[in-house]
């Protein structure tokens, strides 16, 4: 052990002295800090579990939270008064008499002439070499009729012709250009809306800004965007 001594002091003793001083310093510092705290802070955590001076809110009446689904024509959430906001993308179609047979769509969605807002600017002419002659969309589709029935108004700008099917039929007597009135009986089918003619005079005044609204909200839906029962 002689090789581990210097000037008569062992290495272990030299190390232990500074460690003892550090430990003593920590103890003194702890006592000083504890004495400087208010009396209430020395209470145990259990004393703070309940404070009779605070007002506690019961959670018994809180409901279960959930997420919303995406906006679509097959959703039962119906967030908007204007049902067209949840309509399906345009479907290019033609009649069986025009050579489409029983086909639901012609698969030519990329050939539809749309403006920057997604409205149909024109329909193909026979010389264009395309199959579809009309475009359609769906609202409230396959939701077991879980949407309001009764009368709806279809408001739109431009010139052309819109036809309806499945749950909806047009009330010819009360309809006028730019405002069709529908009688709707909800079922699994939903509302079928078909543009069969648009901008017939080639002036650029094509059918656009279509809105489909329960008739009782016709005067308020533009300021009251969301369904009040949503």
C-alpha atoms as a PDB file:
ATOM      1  CA  UNK A   1       0.000   0.000   0.000  1.00  0.00           C
ATOM      2  CA  UNK A   2       3.073   2.283   0.212  1.00  0.00           C
ATOM      3  CA  UNK A   3       2.773   3.060  -3.466  1.00  0.00           C
ATOM      4  CA  UNK A   4      -0.731   4.561  -2.864  1.00  0.00           C
ATOM      5  CA  UNK A   5       0.414   7.004  -0.122  1.00  0.00           C
ATOM      6  CA  UNK A   6       1.830  10.452  -0.529  1.00  0.00           C
ATOM      7  CA  UNK A   7       3.223  12.518   2.365  1.00  0.00           C
ATOM      8  CA  UNK A   8       1.638  10.102   4.856  1.00  0.00           C
ATOM      9  CA  UNK A   9      -1.993  10.559   3.593  1.00  0.00           C
ATOM     10  CA  UNK A  10      -3.793   7.583   2.002  1.00  0.00           C
ATOM     11  CA  UNK A  11      -5.705   8.019  -1.267  1.00  0.00           C
ATOM     12  CA  UNK A  12      -8.979   6.801   0.363  1.00  0.00           C
ATOM     13  CA  UNK A  13      -8.723   9.432   3.070  1.00  0.00           C
ATOM     14  CA  UNK A  14      -7.973  12.154   0.532  1.00  0.00           C
ATOM     15  CA  UNK A  15     -11.128  11.305  -1.425  1.00  0.00           C
ATOM     16  CA  UNK A  16     -13.447  10.878   1.558  1.00  0.00           C
ATOM     17  CA  UNK A  17     -12.773  14.353   2.995  1.00  0.00           C
ATOM     18  CA  UNK A  18     -14.194  16.374   0.028  1.00  0.00           C
ATOM     19  CA  UNK A  19     -17.179  13.993  -0.228  1.00  0.00           C
ATOM     20  CA  UNK A  20     -18.014  14.561   3.431  1.00  0.00           C
ATOM     21  CA  UNK A  21     -17.868  18.320   2.942  1.00  0.00           C
ATOM     22  CA  UNK A  22     -20.246  18.126  -0.067  1.00  0.00           C
ATOM     23  CA  UNK A  23     -22.728  15.989   1.873  1.00  0.00           C
ATOM     24  CA  UNK A  24     -22.665  18.375   4.814  1.00  0.00           C
ATOM     25  CA  UNK A  25     -23.240  21.330   2.492  1.00  0.00           C
ATOM     26  CA  UNK A  26     -26.293  19.640   0.907  1.00  0.00           C
ATOM     27  CA  UNK A  27     -27.834  18.919   4.314  1.00  0.00           C
ATOM     28  CA  UNK A  28     -27.422  22.531   5.457  1.00  0.00           C
ATOM     29  CA  UNK A  29     -28.866  23.833   2.180  1.00  0.00           C
ATOM     30  CA  UNK A  30     -31.918  21.574   2.522  1.00  0.00           C
ATOM     31  CA  UNK A  31     -32.628  22.811   6.039  1.00  0.00           C
ATOM     32  CA  UNK A  32     -32.338  26.450   4.978  1.00  0.00           C
ATOM     33  CA  UNK A  33     -34.734  25.901   2.031  1.00  0.00           C
ATOM     34  CA  UNK A  34     -37.305  24.050   4.191  1.00  0.00           C
ATOM     35  CA  UNK A  35     -37.316  26.793   6.790  1.00  0.00           C
ATOM     36  CA  UNK A  36     -37.902  29.453   4.147  1.00  0.00           C
ATOM     37  CA  UNK A  37     -41.155  27.807   2.850  1.00  0.00           C
ATOM     38  CA  UNK A  38     -44.589  28.910   4.137  1.00  0.00           C
ATOM     39  CA  UNK A  39     -46.158  26.680   6.704  1.00  0.00           C
ATOM     40  CA  UNK A  40     -48.945  25.523   4.319  1.00  0.00           C
ATOM     41  CA  UNK A  41     -46.479  24.162   1.786  1.00  0.00           C
ATOM     42  CA  UNK A  42     -45.247  21.619   4.296  1.00  0.00           C
ATOM     43  CA  UNK A  43     -48.628  19.910   4.349  1.00  0.00           C
ATOM     44  CA  UNK A  44     -48.840  16.498   2.813  1.00  0.00           C
ATOM     45  CA  UNK A  45     -50.275  15.959  -0.637  1.00  0.00           C
ATOM     46  CA  UNK A  46     -53.260  14.213   0.905  1.00  0.00           C
ATOM     47  CA  UNK A  47     -54.290  17.504   2.544  1.00  0.00           C
ATOM     48  CA  UNK A  48     -54.743  19.008  -0.933  1.00  0.00           C
ATOM     49  CA  UNK A  49     -56.987  16.308  -2.409  1.00  0.00           C
ATOM     50  CA  UNK A  50     -60.130  18.099  -1.278  1.00  0.00           C
ATOM     51  CA  UNK A  51     -60.470  21.825  -0.628  1.00  0.00           C
ATOM     52  CA  UNK A  52     -63.919  22.859   0.704  1.00  0.00           C
ATOM     53  CA  UNK A  53     -63.343  26.421  -0.516  1.00  0.00           C
ATOM     54  CA  UNK A  54     -63.223  25.328  -4.165  1.00  0.00           C
ATOM     55  CA  UNK A  55     -66.246  24.627  -6.376  1.00  0.00           C
ATOM     56  CA  UNK A  56     -66.147  21.160  -7.905  1.00  0.00           C
ATOM     57  CA  UNK A  57     -68.011  20.284 -11.102  1.00  0.00           C
ATOM     58  CA  UNK A  58     -69.720  16.929 -11.299  1.00  0.00           C
ATOM     59  CA  UNK A  59     -68.904  14.831 -14.362  1.00  0.00           C
ATOM     60  CA  UNK A  60     -72.070  12.733 -14.077  1.00  0.00           C
ATOM     61  CA  UNK A  61     -73.853  14.728 -16.810  1.00  0.00           C
ATOM     62  CA  UNK A  62     -70.991  14.880 -19.305  1.00  0.00           C
ATOM     63  CA  UNK A  63     -71.743  13.024 -22.537  1.00  0.00           C
ATOM     64  CA  UNK A  64     -69.480  10.745 -24.537  1.00  0.00           C
ATOM     65  CA  UNK A  65     -67.327  12.581 -27.077  1.00  0.00           C
ATOM     66  CA  UNK A  66     -66.868  11.358 -30.635  1.00  0.00           C
ATOM     67  CA  UNK A  67     -65.321  12.338 -33.955  1.00  0.00           C
ATOM     68  CA  UNK A  68     -67.185  13.431 -37.084  1.00  0.00           C
ATOM     69  CA  UNK A  69     -67.120  11.491 -40.336  1.00  0.00           C
ATOM     70  CA  UNK A  70     -66.105  13.001 -43.657  1.00  0.00           C
ATOM     71  CA  UNK A  71     -68.609  15.074 -45.649  1.00  0.00           C
ATOM     72  CA  UNK A  72     -70.353  12.727 -48.083  1.00  0.00           C
ATOM     73  CA  UNK A  73     -73.748  11.928 -49.590  1.00  0.00           C
ATOM     74  CA  UNK A  74     -73.952   8.680 -47.570  1.00  0.00           C
ATOM     75  CA  UNK A  75     -73.390  10.276 -44.146  1.00  0.00           C
ATOM     76  CA  UNK A  76     -76.288  10.479 -41.675  1.00  0.00           C
ATOM     77  CA  UNK A  77     -74.765  13.466 -39.867  1.00  0.00           C
ATOM     78  CA  UNK A  78     -76.333  16.032 -42.269  1.00  0.00           C
ATOM     79  CA  UNK A  79     -74.243  18.979 -41.034  1.00  0.00           C
ATOM     80  CA  UNK A  80     -75.453  21.526 -43.630  1.00  0.00           C
ATOM     81  CA  UNK A  81     -78.879  22.925 -44.449  1.00  0.00           C
ATOM     82  CA  UNK A  82     -77.792  22.932 -48.085  1.00  0.00           C
ATOM     83  CA  UNK A  83     -77.680  19.256 -48.957  1.00  0.00           C
ATOM     84  CA  UNK A  84     -75.752  19.897 -52.148  1.00  0.00           C
ATOM     85  CA  UNK A  85     -72.653  20.676 -50.087  1.00  0.00           C
ATOM     86  CA  UNK A  86     -72.526  16.955 -49.301  1.00  0.00           C
ATOM     87  CA  UNK A  87     -73.367  15.701 -52.791  1.00  0.00           C
ATOM     88  CA  UNK A  88     -71.336  13.184 -54.766  1.00  0.00           C
ATOM     89  CA  UNK A  89     -68.909  14.129 -57.537  1.00  0.00           C
ATOM     90  CA  UNK A  90     -70.429  14.434 -61.008  1.00  0.00           C
ATOM     91  CA  UNK A  91     -71.181  11.122 -62.702  1.00  0.00           C
ATOM     92  CA  UNK A  92     -71.071  11.063 -66.536  1.00  0.00           C
ATOM     93  CA  UNK A  93     -74.054   9.086 -67.870  1.00  0.00           C
ATOM     94  CA  UNK A  94     -76.156   8.372 -70.917  1.00  0.00           C
ATOM     95  CA  UNK A  95     -79.504   6.689 -71.524  1.00  0.00           C
ATOM     96  CA  UNK A  96     -79.886   3.060 -72.613  1.00  0.00           C
ATOM     97  CA  UNK A  97     -81.399   4.372 -75.844  1.00  0.00           C
ATOM     98  CA  UNK A  98     -78.146   6.246 -76.439  1.00  0.00           C
ATOM     99  CA  UNK A  99     -76.080   3.077 -76.259  1.00  0.00           C
ATOM    100  CA  UNK A 100     -75.211   2.874 -72.562  1.00  0.00           C
ATOM    101  CA  UNK A 101     -77.307  -0.197 -71.790  1.00  0.00           C
ATOM    102  CA  UNK A 102     -77.533  -0.846 -68.028  1.00  0.00           C
ATOM    103  CA  UNK A 103     -74.276   0.941 -67.268  1.00  0.00           C
ATOM    104  CA  UNK A 104     -74.477   3.396 -64.338  1.00  0.00           C
ATOM    105  CA  UNK A 105     -71.647   5.630 -65.592  1.00  0.00           C
ATOM    106  CA  UNK A 106     -69.510   5.910 -68.684  1.00  0.00           C
ATOM    107  CA  UNK A 107     -66.215   6.262 -66.813  1.00  0.00           C
ATOM    108  CA  UNK A 108     -65.430   9.597 -68.472  1.00  0.00           C
ATOM    109  CA  UNK A 109     -65.219  11.789 -65.377  1.00  0.00           C
ATOM    110  CA  UNK A 110     -61.978  13.329 -66.593  1.00  0.00           C
ATOM    111  CA  UNK A 111     -63.770  14.500 -69.769  1.00  0.00           C
ATOM    112  CA  UNK A 112     -66.431  16.605 -67.997  1.00  0.00           C
ATOM    113  CA  UNK A 113     -66.082  20.294 -68.843  1.00  0.00           C
ATOM    114  CA  UNK A 114     -65.867  22.011 -65.445  1.00  0.00           C
ATOM    115  CA  UNK A 115     -65.173  25.568 -64.362  1.00  0.00           C
ATOM    116  CA  UNK A 116     -62.793  26.445 -61.524  1.00  0.00           C
ATOM    117  CA  UNK A 117     -65.586  25.953 -58.972  1.00  0.00           C
ATOM    118  CA  UNK A 118     -66.531  22.491 -60.255  1.00  0.00           C
ATOM    119  CA  UNK A 119     -69.724  23.452 -62.102  1.00  0.00           C
ATOM    120  CA  UNK A 120     -70.495  21.805 -65.467  1.00  0.00           C
ATOM    121  CA  UNK A 121     -69.920  24.342 -68.244  1.00  0.00           C
ATOM    122  CA  UNK A 122     -71.141  22.198 -71.139  1.00  0.00           C
ATOM    123  CA  UNK A 123     -72.278  18.736 -72.174  1.00  0.00           C
ATOM    124  CA  UNK A 124     -70.725  16.854 -75.105  1.00  0.00           C
ATOM    125  CA  UNK A 125     -72.053  17.228 -78.611  1.00  0.00           C
ATOM    126  CA  UNK A 126     -72.456  14.131 -80.822  1.00  0.00           C
ATOM    127  CA  UNK A 127     -69.391  15.111 -82.816  1.00  0.00           C
ATOM    128  CA  UNK A 128     -67.228  15.192 -79.681  1.00  0.00           C
ATOM    129  CA  UNK A 129     -66.926  11.411 -79.742  1.00  0.00           C
ATOM    130  CA  UNK A 130     -67.829  10.937 -76.036  1.00  0.00           C
ATOM    131  CA  UNK A 131     -70.386   8.507 -74.640  1.00  0.00           C
ATOM    132  CA  UNK A 132     -71.993  10.592 -71.901  1.00  0.00           C
ATOM    133  CA  UNK A 133     -74.801  13.027 -72.678  1.00  0.00           C
ATOM    134  CA  UNK A 134     -75.676  14.114 -69.139  1.00  0.00           C
ATOM    135  CA  UNK A 135     -74.143  14.349 -65.680  1.00  0.00           C
ATOM    136  CA  UNK A 136     -75.705  13.446 -62.357  1.00  0.00           C
ATOM    137  CA  UNK A 137     -75.070  13.459 -58.628  1.00  0.00           C
ATOM    138  CA  UNK A 138     -76.580  11.905 -55.496  1.00  0.00           C
ATOM    139  CA  UNK A 139     -77.685  13.265 -52.130  1.00  0.00           C
ATOM    140  CA  UNK A 140     -78.716  11.360 -48.974  1.00  0.00           C
ATOM    141  CA  UNK A 141     -77.845   8.064 -50.634  1.00  0.00           C
ATOM    142  CA  UNK A 142     -78.248   4.691 -48.850  1.00  0.00           C
ATOM    143  CA  UNK A 143     -78.878   6.038 -45.346  1.00  0.00           C
ATOM    144  CA  UNK A 144     -82.217   4.233 -44.839  1.00  0.00           C
ATOM    145  CA  UNK A 145     -84.208   7.421 -45.299  1.00  0.00           C
ATOM    146  CA  UNK A 146     -82.598   9.040 -42.243  1.00  0.00           C
ATOM    147  CA  UNK A 147     -83.060  12.569 -43.569  1.00  0.00           C
ATOM    148  CA  UNK A 148     -86.004  15.013 -43.556  1.00  0.00           C
ATOM    149  CA  UNK A 149     -88.800  14.483 -46.041  1.00  0.00           C
ATOM    150  CA  UNK A 150     -91.336  16.961 -47.387  1.00  0.00           C
ATOM    151  CA  UNK A 151     -90.673  19.781 -49.815  1.00  0.00           C
ATOM    152  CA  UNK A 152     -87.250  21.018 -50.883  1.00  0.00           C
ATOM    153  CA  UNK A 153     -86.217  23.873 -53.138  1.00  0.00           C
ATOM    154  CA  UNK A 154     -83.418  23.549 -55.675  1.00  0.00           C
ATOM    155  CA  UNK A 155     -81.998  26.997 -56.346  1.00  0.00           C
ATOM    156  CA  UNK A 156     -79.556  27.605 -59.185  1.00  0.00           C
ATOM    157  CA  UNK A 157     -78.180  30.201 -61.565  1.00  0.00           C
ATOM    158  CA  UNK A 158     -77.902  29.889 -65.319  1.00  0.00           C
ATOM    159  CA  UNK A 159     -79.941  28.272 -68.068  1.00  0.00           C
ATOM    160  CA  UNK A 160     -80.604  24.602 -68.661  1.00  0.00           C
ATOM    161  CA  UNK A 161     -82.632  21.688 -67.424  1.00  0.00           C
ATOM    162  CA  UNK A 162     -82.371  19.585 -64.263  1.00  0.00           C
ATOM    163  CA  UNK A 163     -84.254  16.334 -63.771  1.00  0.00           C
ATOM    164  CA  UNK A 164     -84.816  14.400 -60.532  1.00  0.00           C
ATOM    165  CA  UNK A 165     -85.347  10.816 -59.474  1.00  0.00           C
ATOM    166  CA  UNK A 166     -85.343   8.167 -56.715  1.00  0.00           C
ATOM    167  CA  UNK A 167     -86.829   9.900 -53.641  1.00  0.00           C
ATOM    168  CA  UNK A 168     -87.467  13.222 -55.382  1.00  0.00           C
ATOM    169  CA  UNK A 169     -90.081  14.371 -57.877  1.00  0.00           C
ATOM    170  CA  UNK A 170     -90.444  17.863 -59.298  1.00  0.00           C
ATOM    171  CA  UNK A 171     -93.566  19.874 -58.525  1.00  0.00           C
ATOM    172  CA  UNK A 172     -94.090  21.408 -61.962  1.00  0.00           C
ATOM    173  CA  UNK A 173     -96.896  23.714 -60.834  1.00  0.00           C
ATOM    174  CA  UNK A 174     -94.833  25.598 -58.268  1.00  0.00           C
ATOM    175  CA  UNK A 175     -91.420  25.458 -59.967  1.00  0.00           C
ATOM    176  CA  UNK A 176     -89.890  28.197 -62.108  1.00  0.00           C
ATOM    177  CA  UNK A 177     -86.519  28.720 -63.803  1.00  0.00           C
ATOM    178  CA  UNK A 178     -83.849  28.969 -61.128  1.00  0.00           C
ATOM    179  CA  UNK A 179     -86.119  27.529 -58.425  1.00  0.00           C
ATOM    180  CA  UNK A 180     -87.380  23.956 -58.635  1.00  0.00           C
ATOM    181  CA  UNK A 181     -89.686  22.634 -55.927  1.00  0.00           C
ATOM    182  CA  UNK A 182     -89.307  18.961 -55.030  1.00  0.00           C
ATOM    183  CA  UNK A 183     -91.532  16.554 -53.169  1.00  0.00           C
ATOM    184  CA  UNK A 184     -89.254  14.182 -51.287  1.00  0.00           C
ATOM    185  CA  UNK A 185     -90.149  10.852 -49.683  1.00  0.00           C
ATOM    186  CA  UNK A 186     -87.018   9.539 -47.916  1.00  0.00           C
ATOM    187  CA  UNK A 187     -85.845   5.998 -48.626  1.00  0.00           C
ATOM    188  CA  UNK A 188     -82.626   4.128 -49.294  1.00  0.00           C
ATOM    189  CA  UNK A 189     -82.430   5.679 -52.762  1.00  0.00           C
ATOM    190  CA  UNK A 190     -81.787   9.309 -51.815  1.00  0.00           C
ATOM    191  CA  UNK A 191     -82.147  12.279 -54.150  1.00  0.00           C
ATOM    192  CA  UNK A 192     -80.980  11.806 -57.740  1.00  0.00           C
ATOM    193  CA  UNK A 193     -80.174  15.080 -59.567  1.00  0.00           C
ATOM    194  CA  UNK A 194     -79.348  15.053 -63.296  1.00  0.00           C
ATOM    195  CA  UNK A 195     -78.283  17.948 -65.512  1.00  0.00           C
ATOM    196  CA  UNK A 196     -79.619  17.065 -68.958  1.00  0.00           C
ATOM    197  CA  UNK A 197     -79.062  20.466 -70.563  1.00  0.00           C
ATOM    198  CA  UNK A 198     -76.880  23.464 -69.698  1.00  0.00           C
ATOM    199  CA  UNK A 199     -76.122  26.740 -71.487  1.00  0.00           C
ATOM    200  CA  UNK A 200     -78.419  25.864 -74.431  1.00  0.00           C
ATOM    201  CA  UNK A 201     -77.821  29.214 -76.144  1.00  0.00           C
ATOM    202  CA  UNK A 202     -74.003  28.982 -75.896  1.00  0.00           C
ATOM    203  CA  UNK A 203     -73.752  32.295 -74.047  1.00  0.00           C
ATOM    204  CA  UNK A 204     -71.692  30.964 -71.134  1.00  0.00           C
ATOM    205  CA  UNK A 205     -74.715  31.073 -68.814  1.00  0.00           C
ATOM    206  CA  UNK A 206     -74.451  27.465 -67.688  1.00  0.00           C
ATOM    207  CA  UNK A 207     -76.178  25.971 -64.634  1.00  0.00           C
ATOM    208  CA  UNK A 208     -74.173  26.700 -61.481  1.00  0.00           C
ATOM    209  CA  UNK A 209     -74.420  27.506 -57.775  1.00  0.00           C
ATOM    210  CA  UNK A 210     -76.896  24.688 -57.119  1.00  0.00           C
ATOM    211  CA  UNK A 211     -78.363  24.548 -53.608  1.00  0.00           C
ATOM    212  CA  UNK A 212     -80.785  21.940 -52.265  1.00  0.00           C
ATOM    213  CA  UNK A 213     -82.576  23.111 -49.133  1.00  0.00           C
ATOM    214  CA  UNK A 214     -85.662  22.105 -47.112  1.00  0.00           C
ATOM    215  CA  UNK A 215     -88.270  24.686 -48.084  1.00  0.00           C
ATOM    216  CA  UNK A 216     -88.708  25.944 -44.524  1.00  0.00           C
ATOM    217  CA  UNK A 217     -85.073  27.113 -44.509  1.00  0.00           C
ATOM    218  CA  UNK A 218     -85.123  28.808 -47.911  1.00  0.00           C
ATOM    219  CA  UNK A 219     -84.896  32.317 -46.436  1.00  0.00           C
ATOM    220  CA  UNK A 220     -82.314  31.557 -43.738  1.00  0.00           C
ATOM    221  CA  UNK A 221     -79.891  28.899 -45.026  1.00  0.00           C
ATOM    222  CA  UNK A 222     -77.394  31.423 -46.434  1.00  0.00           C
ATOM    223  CA  UNK A 223     -76.774  32.939 -42.997  1.00  0.00           C
ATOM    224  CA  UNK A 224     -77.543  29.798 -40.974  1.00  0.00           C
ATOM    225  CA  UNK A 225     -75.170  27.422 -42.747  1.00  0.00           C
ATOM    226  CA  UNK A 226     -75.289  24.517 -40.298  1.00  0.00           C
ATOM    227  CA  UNK A 227     -78.278  22.305 -39.655  1.00  0.00           C
ATOM    228  CA  UNK A 228     -79.776  23.450 -36.310  1.00  0.00           C
ATOM    229  CA  UNK A 229     -80.380  19.835 -35.255  1.00  0.00           C
ATOM    230  CA  UNK A 230     -76.852  18.736 -36.172  1.00  0.00           C
END
